[in-house]
Amino acid sequence: GIEVERILEREGMRPPEFLDDVGLLDDRLLGAHCIFVDDA
């Protein structure tokens, strides 16, 4: 939850959207945990 709060505060978006925004969210990314995620 801390990570999500920090990225919302810093970037105005949630972590997956942030990684998408910087061009890292694709099939070459390994993302560990993925616990605190919403439907979007």
Full PDB file with SEQRES, HELIX, SHEET, SSBOND, CRYST1, ORIGX, SCALE, CONECT and MASTER records, all heavy atoms in Angstrom:
SEQRES   1 A   40  GLY ILE GLU VAL GLU ARG ILE LEU GLU ARG GLU GLY MET          
SEQRES   2 A   40  ARG PRO PRO GLU PHE LEU ASP ASP VAL GLY LEU LEU ASP          
SEQRES   3 A   40  ASP ARG LEU LEU GLY ALA HIS CYS ILE PHE VAL ASP ASP          
SEQRES   4 A   40  ALA                                                          
HELIX    1 AA1 ILE A    2  GLU A   11  1                                  10    
HELIX    2 AA2 PRO A   15  ASP A   21  1                                   7    
CRYST1    1.000    1.000    1.000  90.00  90.00  90.00 P 1           1          
ORIGX1      1.000000  0.000000  0.000000        0.00000                         
ORIGX2      0.000000  1.000000  0.000000        0.00000                         
ORIGX3      0.000000  0.000000  1.000000        0.00000                         
SCALE1      1.000000  0.000000  0.000000        0.00000                         
SCALE2      0.000000  1.000000  0.000000        0.00000                         
SCALE3      0.000000  0.000000  1.000000        0.00000                         
ATOM      1  N   GLY A   1       0.817  -1.204   0.000  1.00  0.00           N  
ATOM      2  CA  GLY A   1       0.000   0.000   0.000  1.00  0.00           C  
ATOM      3  C   GLY A   1       0.844   1.244   0.000  1.00  0.00           C  
ATOM      4  O   GLY A   1       0.469   2.274  -0.595  1.00  0.00           O  
ATOM      5  N   ILE A   2       2.009   1.169   0.656  1.00  0.00           N  
ATOM      6  CA  ILE A   2       2.915   2.314   0.692  1.00  0.00           C  
ATOM      7  C   ILE A   2       3.369   2.690  -0.714  1.00  0.00           C  
ATOM      8  O   ILE A   2       3.400   3.862  -1.091  1.00  0.00           O  
ATOM      9  CB  ILE A   2       4.142   1.998   1.584  1.00  0.00           C  
ATOM     10  CG1 ILE A   2       3.709   1.845   3.046  1.00  0.00           C  
ATOM     11  CG2 ILE A   2       5.208   3.079   1.448  1.00  0.00           C  
ATOM     12  CD1 ILE A   2       4.830   1.386   3.954  1.00  0.00           C  
ATOM     13  N   GLU A   3       3.722   1.673  -1.504  1.00  0.00           N  
ATOM     14  CA  GLU A   3       4.163   1.929  -2.882  1.00  0.00           C  
ATOM     15  C   GLU A   3       3.069   2.628  -3.685  1.00  0.00           C  
ATOM     16  O   GLU A   3       3.330   3.619  -4.389  1.00  0.00           O  
ATOM     17  CB  GLU A   3       4.534   0.609  -3.553  1.00  0.00           C  
ATOM     18  CG  GLU A   3       4.890   0.740  -5.026  1.00  0.00           C  
ATOM     19  CD  GLU A   3       4.873  -0.586  -5.750  1.00  0.00           C  
ATOM     20  OE1 GLU A   3       5.220  -1.616  -5.142  1.00  0.00           O  
ATOM     21  OE2 GLU A   3       4.487  -0.600  -6.944  1.00  0.00           O  
ATOM     22  N   VAL A   4       1.842   2.116  -3.569  1.00  0.00           N  
ATOM     23  CA  VAL A   4       0.729   2.707  -4.311  1.00  0.00           C  
ATOM     24  C   VAL A   4       0.516   4.156  -3.889  1.00  0.00           C  
ATOM     25  O   VAL A   4       0.355   5.055  -4.736  1.00  0.00           O  
ATOM     26  CB  VAL A   4      -0.554   1.882  -4.106  1.00  0.00           C  
ATOM     27  CG1 VAL A   4      -1.749   2.577  -4.783  1.00  0.00           C  
ATOM     28  CG2 VAL A   4      -0.381   0.472  -4.656  1.00  0.00           C  
ATOM     29  N   GLU A   5       0.525   4.408  -2.591  1.00  0.00           N  
ATOM     30  CA  GLU A   5       0.340   5.771  -2.083  1.00  0.00           C  
ATOM     31  C   GLU A   5       1.429   6.703  -2.583  1.00  0.00           C  
ATOM     32  O   GLU A   5       1.160   7.850  -2.982  1.00  0.00           O  
ATOM     33  CB  GLU A   5       0.328   5.761  -0.557  1.00  0.00           C  
ATOM     34  CG  GLU A   5      -0.888   5.081   0.049  1.00  0.00           C  
ATOM     35  CD  GLU A   5      -0.730   4.888   1.547  1.00  0.00           C  
ATOM     36  OE1 GLU A   5       0.275   5.397   2.123  1.00  0.00           O  
ATOM     37  OE2 GLU A   5      -1.586   4.212   2.151  1.00  0.00           O  
ATOM     38  N   ARG A   6       2.670   6.234  -2.563  1.00  0.00           N  
ATOM     39  CA  ARG A   6       3.799   7.064  -2.988  1.00  0.00           C  
ATOM     40  C   ARG A   6       3.670   7.442  -4.471  1.00  0.00           C  
ATOM     41  O   ARG A   6       3.911   8.592  -4.843  1.00  0.00           O  
ATOM     42  CB  ARG A   6       5.120   6.328  -2.764  1.00  0.00           C  
ATOM     43  CG  ARG A   6       5.552   6.251  -1.307  1.00  0.00           C  
ATOM     44  CD  ARG A   6       5.995   7.605  -0.786  1.00  0.00           C  
ATOM     45  NE  ARG A   6       7.064   8.163  -1.598  1.00  0.00           N  
ATOM     46  CZ  ARG A   6       7.346   9.452  -1.689  1.00  0.00           C  
ATOM     47  NH1 ARG A   6       6.600  10.324  -1.039  1.00  0.00           N  
ATOM     48  NH2 ARG A   6       8.351   9.876  -2.434  1.00  0.00           N  
ATOM     49  N   ILE A   7       3.311   6.463  -5.306  1.00  0.00           N  
ATOM     50  CA  ILE A   7       3.224   6.743  -6.743  1.00  0.00           C  
ATOM     51  C   ILE A   7       2.011   7.614  -7.061  1.00  0.00           C  
ATOM     52  O   ILE A   7       2.079   8.504  -7.922  1.00  0.00           O  
ATOM     53  CB  ILE A   7       3.198   5.430  -7.545  1.00  0.00           C  
ATOM     54  CG1 ILE A   7       4.509   4.666  -7.332  1.00  0.00           C  
ATOM     55  CG2 ILE A   7       3.013   5.709  -9.033  1.00  0.00           C  
ATOM     56  CD1 ILE A   7       5.770   5.470  -7.650  1.00  0.00           C  
ATOM     57  N   LEU A   8       0.909   7.409  -6.377  1.00  0.00           N  
ATOM     58  CA  LEU A   8      -0.239   8.295  -6.560  1.00  0.00           C  
ATOM     59  C   LEU A   8       0.112   9.728  -6.199  1.00  0.00           C  
ATOM     60  O   LEU A   8      -0.249  10.677  -6.902  1.00  0.00           O  
ATOM     61  CB  LEU A   8      -1.409   7.810  -5.707  1.00  0.00           C  
ATOM     62  CG  LEU A   8      -2.233   6.653  -6.265  1.00  0.00           C  
ATOM     63  CD1 LEU A   8      -3.185   6.111  -5.211  1.00  0.00           C  
ATOM     64  CD2 LEU A   8      -3.009   7.092  -7.514  1.00  0.00           C  
ATOM     65  N   GLU A   9       0.854   9.880  -5.107  1.00  0.00           N  
ATOM     66  CA  GLU A   9       1.255  11.216  -4.658  1.00  0.00           C  
ATOM     67  C   GLU A   9       2.271  11.849  -5.594  1.00  0.00           C  
ATOM     68  O   GLU A   9       2.192  13.033  -5.930  1.00  0.00           O  
ATOM     69  CB  GLU A   9       1.830  11.126  -3.235  1.00  0.00           C  
ATOM     70  CG  GLU A   9       2.336  12.442  -2.669  1.00  0.00           C  
ATOM     71  CD  GLU A   9       2.996  12.272  -1.312  1.00  0.00           C  
ATOM     72  OE1 GLU A   9       2.845  11.209  -0.701  1.00  0.00           O  
ATOM     73  OE2 GLU A   9       3.691  13.219  -0.877  1.00  0.00           O  
ATOM     74  N   ARG A  10       3.217  11.042  -6.047  1.00  0.00           N  
ATOM     75  CA  ARG A  10       4.331  11.564  -6.843  1.00  0.00           C  
ATOM     76  C   ARG A  10       3.989  11.731  -8.311  1.00  0.00           C  
ATOM     77  O   ARG A  10       4.408  12.698  -8.952  1.00  0.00           O  
ATOM     78  CB  ARG A  10       5.530  10.609  -6.707  1.00  0.00           C  
ATOM     79  CG  ARG A  10       6.857  11.186  -7.161  1.00  0.00           C  
ATOM     80  CD  ARG A  10       7.951  10.149  -7.067  1.00  0.00           C  
ATOM     81  NE  ARG A  10       7.956   9.244  -8.215  1.00  0.00           N  
ATOM     82  CZ  ARG A  10       8.647   8.115  -8.272  1.00  0.00           C  
ATOM     83  NH1 ARG A  10       9.345   7.710  -7.223  1.00  0.00           N  
ATOM     84  NH2 ARG A  10       8.613   7.365  -9.363  1.00  0.00           N  
ATOM     85  N   GLU A  11       3.230  10.761  -8.860  1.00  0.00           N  
ATOM     86  CA  GLU A  11       2.992  10.730 -10.307  1.00  0.00           C  
ATOM     87  C   GLU A  11       1.540  10.969 -10.684  1.00  0.00           C  
ATOM     88  O   GLU A  11       1.234  11.134 -11.868  1.00  0.00           O  
ATOM     89  CB  GLU A  11       3.447   9.375 -10.876  1.00  0.00           C  
ATOM     90  CG  GLU A  11       4.907   9.038 -10.612  1.00  0.00           C  
ATOM     91  CD  GLU A  11       5.871   9.924 -11.374  1.00  0.00           C  
ATOM     92  OE1 GLU A  11       5.456  10.523 -12.389  1.00  0.00           O  
ATOM     93  OE2 GLU A  11       7.042  10.015 -10.956  1.00  0.00           O  
ATOM     94  N   GLY A  12       0.633  10.921  -9.711  1.00  0.00           N  
ATOM     95  CA  GLY A  12      -0.781  11.104 -10.018  1.00  0.00           C  
ATOM     96  C   GLY A  12      -1.402   9.908 -10.713  1.00  0.00           C  
ATOM     97  O   GLY A  12      -2.419  10.049 -11.404  1.00  0.00           O  
ATOM     98  N   MET A  13      -0.816   8.744 -10.557  1.00  0.00           N  
ATOM     99  CA  MET A  13      -1.331   7.520 -11.177  1.00  0.00           C  
ATOM    100  C   MET A  13      -0.874   6.330 -10.349  1.00  0.00           C  
ATOM    101  O   MET A  13       0.006   6.437  -9.492  1.00  0.00           O  
ATOM    102  CB  MET A  13      -0.855   7.402 -12.624  1.00  0.00           C  
ATOM    103  CG  MET A  13       0.651   7.382 -12.801  1.00  0.00           C  
ATOM    104  SD  MET A  13       1.171   7.424 -14.555  1.00  0.00           S  
ATOM    105  CE  MET A  13       0.855   9.145 -14.962  1.00  0.00           C  
ATOM    106  N   ARG A  14      -1.449   5.177 -10.619  1.00  0.00           N  
ATOM    107  CA  ARG A  14      -1.089   3.967  -9.903  1.00  0.00           C  
ATOM    108  C   ARG A  14       0.145   3.317 -10.542  1.00  0.00           C  
ATOM    109  O   ARG A  14       0.476   3.603 -11.704  1.00  0.00           O  
ATOM    110  CB  ARG A  14      -2.272   3.009  -9.869  1.00  0.00           C  
ATOM    111  CG  ARG A  14      -3.480   3.572  -9.099  1.00  0.00           C  
ATOM    112  CD  ARG A  14      -4.682   2.673  -9.205  1.00  0.00           C  
ATOM    113  NE  ARG A  14      -4.447   1.392  -8.544  1.00  0.00           N  
ATOM    114  CZ  ARG A  14      -4.623   1.180  -7.241  1.00  0.00           C  
ATOM    115  NH1 ARG A  14      -5.050   2.158  -6.439  1.00  0.00           N  
ATOM    116  NH2 ARG A  14      -4.399  -0.019  -6.725  1.00  0.00           N  
ATOM    117  N   PRO A  15       0.846   2.431  -9.821  1.00  0.00           N  
ATOM    118  CA  PRO A  15       2.109   1.885 -10.336  1.00  0.00           C  
ATOM    119  C   PRO A  15       2.039   1.248 -11.722  1.00  0.00           C  
ATOM    120  O   PRO A  15       2.909   1.536 -12.558  1.00  0.00           O  
ATOM    121  CB  PRO A  15       2.507   0.873  -9.248  1.00  0.00           C  
ATOM    122  CG  PRO A  15       1.974   1.466  -7.994  1.00  0.00           C  
ATOM    123  CD  PRO A  15       0.653   2.064  -8.395  1.00  0.00           C  
ATOM    124  N   PRO A  16       1.055   0.379 -12.047  1.00  0.00           N  
ATOM    125  CA  PRO A  16       1.053  -0.192 -13.398  1.00  0.00           C  
ATOM    126  C   PRO A  16       0.915   0.873 -14.488  1.00  0.00           C  
ATOM    127  O   PRO A  16       1.574   0.789 -15.536  1.00  0.00           O  
ATOM    128  CB  PRO A  16      -0.157  -1.136 -13.380  1.00  0.00           C  
ATOM    129  CG  PRO A  16      -0.302  -1.517 -11.945  1.00  0.00           C  
ATOM    130  CD  PRO A  16       0.033  -0.265 -11.189  1.00  0.00           C  
ATOM    131  N   GLU A  17       0.081   1.862 -14.254  1.00  0.00           N  
ATOM    132  CA  GLU A  17      -0.069   2.934 -15.238  1.00  0.00           C  
ATOM    133  C   GLU A  17       1.225   3.728 -15.360  1.00  0.00           C  
ATOM    134  O   GLU A  17       1.623   4.136 -16.470  1.00  0.00           O  
ATOM    135  CB  GLU A  17      -1.216   3.859 -14.845  1.00  0.00           C  
ATOM    136  CG  GLU A  17      -1.485   4.955 -15.883  1.00  0.00           C  
ATOM    137  CD  GLU A  17      -2.612   5.873 -15.500  1.00  0.00           C  
ATOM    138  OE1 GLU A  17      -3.182   5.716 -14.396  1.00  0.00           O  
ATOM    139  OE2 GLU A  17      -2.939   6.776 -16.309  1.00  0.00           O  
ATOM    140  N   PHE A  18       1.901   3.926 -14.258  1.00  0.00           N  
ATOM    141  CA  PHE A  18       3.173   4.652 -14.269  1.00  0.00           C  
ATOM    142  C   PHE A  18       4.211   3.899 -15.096  1.00  0.00           C  
ATOM    143  O   PHE A  18       4.902   4.486 -15.947  1.00  0.00           O  
ATOM    144  CB  PHE A  18       3.647   4.854 -12.833  1.00  0.00           C  
ATOM    145  CG  PHE A  18       5.011   5.457 -12.699  1.00  0.00           C  
ATOM    146  CD1 PHE A  18       5.389   6.559 -13.452  1.00  0.00           C  
ATOM    147  CD2 PHE A  18       5.933   4.924 -11.801  1.00  0.00           C  
ATOM    148  CE1 PHE A  18       6.651   7.117 -13.328  1.00  0.00           C  
ATOM    149  CE2 PHE A  18       7.190   5.474 -11.659  1.00  0.00           C  
ATOM    150  CZ  PHE A  18       7.556   6.568 -12.424  1.00  0.00           C  
ATOM    151  N   LEU A  19       4.329   2.585 -14.873  1.00  0.00           N  
ATOM    152  CA  LEU A  19       5.289   1.809 -15.659  1.00  0.00           C  
ATOM    153  C   LEU A  19       4.906   1.777 -17.127  1.00  0.00           C  
ATOM    154  O   LEU A  19       5.770   1.775 -18.011  1.00  0.00           O  
ATOM    155  CB  LEU A  19       5.394   0.384 -15.112  1.00  0.00           C  
ATOM    156  CG  LEU A  19       6.035   0.230 -13.730  1.00  0.00           C  
ATOM    157  CD1 LEU A  19       6.205  -1.247 -13.379  1.00  0.00           C  
ATOM    158  CD2 LEU A  19       7.393   0.931 -13.664  1.00  0.00           C  
ATOM    159  N   ASP A  20       3.607   1.768 -17.402  1.00  0.00           N  
ATOM    160  CA  ASP A  20       3.145   1.856 -18.782  1.00  0.00           C  
ATOM    161  C   ASP A  20       3.551   3.199 -19.388  1.00  0.00           C  
ATOM    162  O   ASP A  20       3.993   3.284 -20.547  1.00  0.00           O  
ATOM    163  CB  ASP A  20       1.623   1.690 -18.806  1.00  0.00           C  
ATOM    164  CG  ASP A  20       1.095   1.305 -20.179  1.00  0.00           C  
ATOM    165  OD1 ASP A  20       1.906   1.077 -21.096  1.00  0.00           O  
ATOM    166  OD2 ASP A  20      -0.132   1.234 -20.330  1.00  0.00           O  
ATOM    167  N   ASP A  21       3.428   4.246 -18.599  1.00  0.00           N  
ATOM    168  CA  ASP A  21       3.724   5.598 -19.058  1.00  0.00           C  
ATOM    169  C   ASP A  21       5.192   5.780 -19.425  1.00  0.00           C  
ATOM    170  O   ASP A  21       5.522   6.555 -20.328  1.00  0.00           O  
ATOM    171  CB  ASP A  21       3.317   6.601 -17.978  1.00  0.00           C  
ATOM    172  CG  ASP A  21       3.144   8.013 -18.516  1.00  0.00           C  
ATOM    173  OD1 ASP A  21       2.501   8.165 -19.578  1.00  0.00           O  
ATOM    174  OD2 ASP A  21       3.665   8.954 -17.891  1.00  0.00           O  
ATOM    175  N   VAL A  22       6.082   5.046 -18.729  1.00  0.00           N  
ATOM    176  CA  VAL A  22       7.511   5.163 -19.028  1.00  0.00           C  
ATOM    177  C   VAL A  22       7.988   4.088 -20.009  1.00  0.00           C  
ATOM    178  O   VAL A  22       9.181   3.995 -20.309  1.00  0.00           O  
ATOM    179  CB  VAL A  22       8.373   5.119 -17.744  1.00  0.00           C  
ATOM    180  CG1 VAL A  22       8.027   6.287 -16.835  1.00  0.00           C  
ATOM    181  CG2 VAL A  22       8.223   3.791 -17.008  1.00  0.00           C  
ATOM    182  N   GLY A  23       7.060   3.258 -20.508  1.00  0.00           N  
ATOM    183  CA  GLY A  23       7.403   2.303 -21.546  1.00  0.00           C  
ATOM    184  C   GLY A  23       7.961   0.981 -21.071  1.00  0.00           C  
ATOM    185  O   GLY A  23       8.619   0.276 -21.840  1.00  0.00           O  
ATOM    186  N   LEU A  24       7.676   0.611 -19.832  1.00  0.00           N  
ATOM    187  CA  LEU A  24       8.213  -0.634 -19.299  1.00  0.00           C  
ATOM    188  C   LEU A  24       7.168  -1.733 -19.128  1.00  0.00           C  
ATOM    189  O   LEU A  24       7.527  -2.881 -18.868  1.00  0.00           O  
ATOM    190  CB  LEU A  24       8.890  -0.385 -17.936  1.00  0.00           C  
ATOM    191  CG  LEU A  24      10.236   0.335 -17.978  1.00  0.00           C  
ATOM    192  CD1 LEU A  24      10.736   0.616 -16.564  1.00  0.00           C  
ATOM    193  CD2 LEU A  24      11.270  -0.492 -18.749  1.00  0.00           C  
ATOM    194  N   LEU A  25       5.902  -1.407 -19.255  1.00  0.00           N  
ATOM    195  CA  LEU A  25       4.854  -2.397 -18.997  1.00  0.00           C  
ATOM    196  C   LEU A  25       4.582  -3.198 -20.269  1.00  0.00           C  
ATOM    197  O   LEU A  25       3.763  -2.817 -21.113  1.00  0.00           O  
ATOM    198  CB  LEU A  25       3.577  -1.704 -18.519  1.00  0.00           C  
ATOM    199  CG  LEU A  25       2.584  -2.619 -17.801  1.00  0.00           C  
ATOM    200  CD1 LEU A  25       3.050  -2.874 -16.367  1.00  0.00           C  
ATOM    201  CD2 LEU A  25       1.186  -2.026 -17.805  1.00  0.00           C  
ATOM    202  N   ASP A  26       5.284  -4.330 -20.400  1.00  0.00           N  
ATOM    203  CA  ASP A  26       5.077  -5.205 -21.557  1.00  0.00           C  
ATOM    204  C   ASP A  26       5.534  -6.611 -21.206  1.00  0.00           C  
ATOM    205  O   ASP A  26       5.797  -6.916 -20.036  1.00  0.00           O  
ATOM    206  CB  ASP A  26       5.800  -4.658 -22.794  1.00  0.00           C  
ATOM    207  CG  ASP A  26       7.305  -4.502 -22.594  1.00  0.00           C  
ATOM    208  OD1 ASP A  26       7.884  -5.176 -21.723  1.00  0.00           O  
ATOM    209  OD2 ASP A  26       7.922  -3.690 -23.319  1.00  0.00           O  
ATOM    210  N   ASP A  27       5.631  -7.476 -22.212  1.00  0.00           N  
ATOM    211  CA  ASP A  27       5.953  -8.876 -21.938  1.00  0.00           C  
ATOM    212  C   ASP A  27       7.431  -9.101 -21.647  1.00  0.00           C  
ATOM    213  O   ASP A  27       7.851 -10.244 -21.440  1.00  0.00           O  
ATOM    214  CB  ASP A  27       5.495  -9.771 -23.089  1.00  0.00           C  
ATOM    215  CG  ASP A  27       6.166  -9.433 -24.420  1.00  0.00           C  
ATOM    216  OD1 ASP A  27       7.006  -8.511 -24.469  1.00  0.00           O  
ATOM    217  OD2 ASP A  27       5.836 -10.083 -25.430  1.00  0.00           O  
ATOM    218  N   ARG A  28       8.216  -8.026 -21.601  1.00  0.00           N  
ATOM    219  CA  ARG A  28       9.618  -8.143 -21.172  1.00  0.00           C  
ATOM    220  C   ARG A  28       9.787  -7.734 -19.712  1.00  0.00           C  
ATOM    221  O   ARG A  28      10.918  -7.682 -19.210  1.00  0.00           O  
ATOM    222  CB  ARG A  28      10.509  -7.284 -22.064  1.00  0.00           C  
ATOM    223  CG  ARG A  28      10.623  -7.763 -23.504  1.00  0.00           C  
ATOM    224  CD  ARG A  28      11.300  -6.732 -24.382  1.00  0.00           C  
ATOM    225  NE  ARG A  28      10.447  -5.549 -24.553  1.00  0.00           N  
ATOM    226  CZ  ARG A  28      10.831  -4.434 -25.172  1.00  0.00           C  
ATOM    227  NH1 ARG A  28      12.056  -4.348 -25.671  1.00  0.00           N  
ATOM    228  NH2 ARG A  28       9.995  -3.419 -25.301  1.00  0.00           N  
ATOM    229  N   LEU A  29       8.670  -7.457 -19.041  1.00  0.00           N  
ATOM    230  CA  LEU A  29       8.704  -7.051 -17.639  1.00  0.00           C  
ATOM    231  C   LEU A  29       8.273  -8.209 -16.753  1.00  0.00           C  
ATOM    232  O   LEU A  29       7.262  -8.863 -16.997  1.00  0.00           O  
ATOM    233  CB  LEU A  29       7.774  -5.862 -17.398  1.00  0.00           C  
ATOM    234  CG  LEU A  29       7.740  -5.351 -15.951  1.00  0.00           C  
ATOM    235  CD1 LEU A  29       9.025  -4.609 -15.609  1.00  0.00           C  
ATOM    236  CD2 LEU A  29       6.529  -4.460 -15.710  1.00  0.00           C  
ATOM    237  N   LEU A  30       9.040  -8.445 -15.691  1.00  0.00           N  
ATOM    238  CA  LEU A  30       8.668  -9.376 -14.637  1.00  0.00           C  
ATOM    239  C   LEU A  30       8.280  -8.550 -13.420  1.00  0.00           C  
ATOM    240  O   LEU A  30       9.117  -7.824 -12.863  1.00  0.00           O  
ATOM    241  CB  LEU A  30       9.818 -10.321 -14.287  1.00  0.00           C  
ATOM    242  CG  LEU A  30      10.145 -11.443 -15.292  1.00  0.00           C  
ATOM    243  CD1 LEU A  30      10.843 -10.886 -16.534  1.00  0.00           C  
ATOM    244  CD2 LEU A  30      11.028 -12.493 -14.636  1.00  0.00           C  
ATOM    245  N   GLY A  31       7.019  -8.630 -13.024  1.00  0.00           N  
ATOM    246  CA  GLY A  31       6.523  -7.833 -11.913  1.00  0.00           C  
ATOM    247  C   GLY A  31       6.171  -8.706 -10.728  1.00  0.00           C  
ATOM    248  O   GLY A  31       5.244  -9.519 -10.788  1.00  0.00           O  
ATOM    249  N   ALA A  32       6.897  -8.547  -9.635  1.00  0.00           N  
ATOM    250  CA  ALA A  32       6.707  -9.402  -8.465  1.00  0.00           C  
ATOM    251  C   ALA A  32       5.607  -8.872  -7.556  1.00  0.00           C  
ATOM    252  O   ALA A  32       5.543  -7.676  -7.276  1.00  0.00           O  
ATOM    253  CB  ALA A  32       8.015  -9.524  -7.681  1.00  0.00           C  
ATOM    254  N   HIS A  33       4.769  -9.766  -7.108  1.00  0.00           N  
ATOM    255  CA  HIS A  33       3.708  -9.582  -6.114  1.00  0.00           C  
ATOM    256  C   HIS A  33       2.376  -9.198  -6.756  1.00  0.00           C  
ATOM    257  O   HIS A  33       1.432  -9.973  -6.695  1.00  0.00           O  
ATOM    258  CB  HIS A  33       4.112  -8.578  -5.026  1.00  0.00           C  
ATOM    259  CG  HIS A  33       5.287  -9.008  -4.233  1.00  0.00           C  
ATOM    260  ND1 HIS A  33       5.224 -10.050  -3.328  1.00  0.00           N  
ATOM    261  CD2 HIS A  33       6.574  -8.559  -4.205  1.00  0.00           C  
ATOM    262  CE1 HIS A  33       6.415 -10.229  -2.777  1.00  0.00           C  
ATOM    263  NE2 HIS A  33       7.256  -9.350  -3.297  1.00  0.00           N  
ATOM    264  N   CYS A  34       2.244  -7.982  -7.294  1.00  0.00           N  
ATOM    265  CA  CYS A  34       0.970  -7.552  -7.912  1.00  0.00           C  
ATOM    266  C   CYS A  34      -0.203  -7.795  -6.965  1.00  0.00           C  
ATOM    267  O   CYS A  34      -1.236  -8.362  -7.355  1.00  0.00           O  
ATOM    268  CB  CYS A  34       0.743  -8.276  -9.238  1.00  0.00           C  
ATOM    269  SG  CYS A  34       2.007  -7.980 -10.486  1.00  0.00           S  
ATOM    270  N   ILE A  35      -0.048  -7.354  -5.731  1.00  0.00           N  
ATOM    271  CA  ILE A  35      -1.079  -7.573  -4.702  1.00  0.00           C  
ATOM    272  C   ILE A  35      -2.071  -6.418  -4.666  1.00  0.00           C  
ATOM    273  O   ILE A  35      -3.290  -6.611  -4.734  1.00  0.00           O  
ATOM    274  CB  ILE A  35      -0.433  -7.729  -3.311  1.00  0.00           C  
ATOM    275  CG1 ILE A  35       0.568  -8.886  -3.296  1.00  0.00           C  
ATOM    276  CG2 ILE A  35      -1.509  -7.935  -2.246  1.00  0.00           C  
ATOM    277  CD1 ILE A  35       1.418  -8.940  -2.042  1.00  0.00           C  
ATOM    278  N   PHE A  36      -1.544  -5.199  -4.549  1.00  0.00           N  
ATOM    279  CA  PHE A  36      -2.387  -4.026  -4.332  1.00  0.00           C  
ATOM    280  C   PHE A  36      -2.762  -3.407  -5.677  1.00  0.00           C  
ATOM    281  O   PHE A  36      -2.278  -2.350  -6.059  1.00  0.00           O  
ATOM    282  CB  PHE A  36      -1.673  -3.033  -3.416  1.00  0.00           C  
ATOM    283  CG  PHE A  36      -1.497  -3.565  -2.020  1.00  0.00           C  
ATOM    284  CD1 PHE A  36      -0.402  -4.343  -1.692  1.00  0.00           C  
ATOM    285  CD2 PHE A  36      -2.443  -3.317  -1.040  1.00  0.00           C  
ATOM    286  CE1 PHE A  36      -0.235  -4.855  -0.409  1.00  0.00           C  
ATOM    287  CE2 PHE A  36      -2.296  -3.817   0.247  1.00  0.00           C  
ATOM    288  CZ  PHE A  36      -1.193  -4.590   0.556  1.00  0.00           C  
ATOM    289  N   VAL A  37      -3.602  -4.148  -6.397  1.00  0.00           N  
ATOM    290  CA  VAL A  37      -4.031  -3.726  -7.727  1.00  0.00           C  
ATOM    291  C   VAL A  37      -5.553  -3.650  -7.764  1.00  0.00           C  
ATOM    292  O   VAL A  37      -6.247  -4.446  -7.135  1.00  0.00           O  
ATOM    293  CB  VAL A  37      -3.525  -4.705  -8.817  1.00  0.00           C  
ATOM    294  CG1 VAL A  37      -2.021  -4.558  -9.019  1.00  0.00           C  
ATOM    295  CG2 VAL A  37      -3.863  -6.148  -8.471  1.00  0.00           C  
ATOM    296  N   ASP A  38      -6.068  -2.685  -8.506  1.00  0.00           N  
ATOM    297  CA  ASP A  38      -7.512  -2.604  -8.703  1.00  0.00           C  
ATOM    298  C   ASP A  38      -7.871  -3.212 -10.059  1.00  0.00           C  
ATOM    299  O   ASP A  38      -6.991  -3.711 -10.782  1.00  0.00           O  
ATOM    300  CB  ASP A  38      -8.020  -1.165  -8.559  1.00  0.00           C  
ATOM    301  CG  ASP A  38      -7.445  -0.199  -9.586  1.00  0.00           C  
ATOM    302  OD1 ASP A  38      -6.871  -0.666 -10.619  1.00  0.00           O  
ATOM    303  OD2 ASP A  38      -7.562   1.031  -9.392  1.00  0.00           O  
ATOM    304  N   ASP A  39      -9.142  -3.187 -10.410  1.00  0.00           N  
ATOM    305  CA  ASP A  39      -9.582  -3.824 -11.654  1.00  0.00           C  
ATOM    306  C   ASP A  39      -8.890  -3.229 -12.877  1.00  0.00           C  
ATOM    307  O   ASP A  39      -8.513  -3.953 -13.809  1.00  0.00           O  
ATOM    308  CB  ASP A  39     -11.098  -3.692 -11.803  1.00  0.00           C  
ATOM    309  CG  ASP A  39     -11.853  -4.546 -10.785  1.00  0.00           C  
ATOM    310  OD1 ASP A  39     -11.231  -5.455 -10.202  1.00  0.00           O  
ATOM    311  OD2 ASP A  39     -13.056  -4.292 -10.580  1.00  0.00           O  
ATOM    312  N   ALA A  40      -8.714  -1.905 -12.879  1.00  0.00           N  
ATOM    313  CA  ALA A  40      -8.053  -1.260 -14.022  1.00  0.00           C  
ATOM    314  C   ALA A  40      -6.588  -1.677 -14.107  1.00  0.00           C  
ATOM    315  O   ALA A  40      -6.059  -1.891 -15.207  1.00  0.00           O  
ATOM    316  CB  ALA A  40      -8.167   0.263 -13.908  1.00  0.00           C  
TER     317      ALA A  40                                                      
MASTER        0    0    0    2    0    0    0    6  316    1    0    4          
END                                                                             
